Amino acid sequence: MIIKINPKCPEIELIKKAVLSLKEGNLLIFPTDTVYGLGANGLDSKAMRKLFEIKKRVDTKPFALLIGEIDDACKYCKNIPPLFFTLTKRFWPGAITMVLDAQDGLPKEAMGMDFSVALRMPDSKVALCLLKEAGVPIAASSANFSGGNDPAGVDEIEGSLRDEVALVIDGGMCKGVPSTVVDLRGNNIKILREGAITTEEISRVAG
């Protein structure tokens, strides 16, 4: 099912419908500030295993957890360095994903083999409304099969992938550039993928 949501003023009744589906263990496709995402409840191991299967992605490559509040980071991460707060003050909500040590008790499907977790707070009213209404992180990746193109609009998402999910949220066009991924463990910055935010921008803020 495809539902249209106003990207500037998301309709709460439609957001609640999507959240109910998410909490029932279903996957959904939704817009972010970067590209369209394919997501599952980030605290539901079974839903995340389904996400790996549909995405055709190896389980040694975990998904990022999207969160709705910066304070949520403390629920899912530990040993958070000061650099994290420096970067979030400037770039969140926004297109930077940060890798940190995973908090104890997080589902193994949400973590890397090295007990890391990747967090992002998207700059999208639709995504933030979903996250805040759900009260759980959304494990997400771009709405494509592994190796495919990152979709900026619903029409760019493969039909066979749309058929795999219970709900597709059409929130208009995204910018089409994935987030930048940085590893902050040890209070150092390692750029794992440069995306919408450049290395130079990060360096200026981090000093």
Foldseek 3Di string as FASTA:
>chain_A
DEDEAAQVDGDLVVLVVVLVQQVVLFWEWEDFQAFIKIWHFQQDPVSLVVVCVLLVHDLLDAFAWEAQDPVCCVVFAPPDDPLVVLCCVPAPQHQEKEKGATDPPGDPSQAHPVRIHIYHHTPTPSVNSNRVVNVTIIGIDAQERPPDARHQFPVPHDPVSNVRTPYYYGHDGHPRKHGWYWYCPVNDTDTPGDIPDHPVNSVVSSD
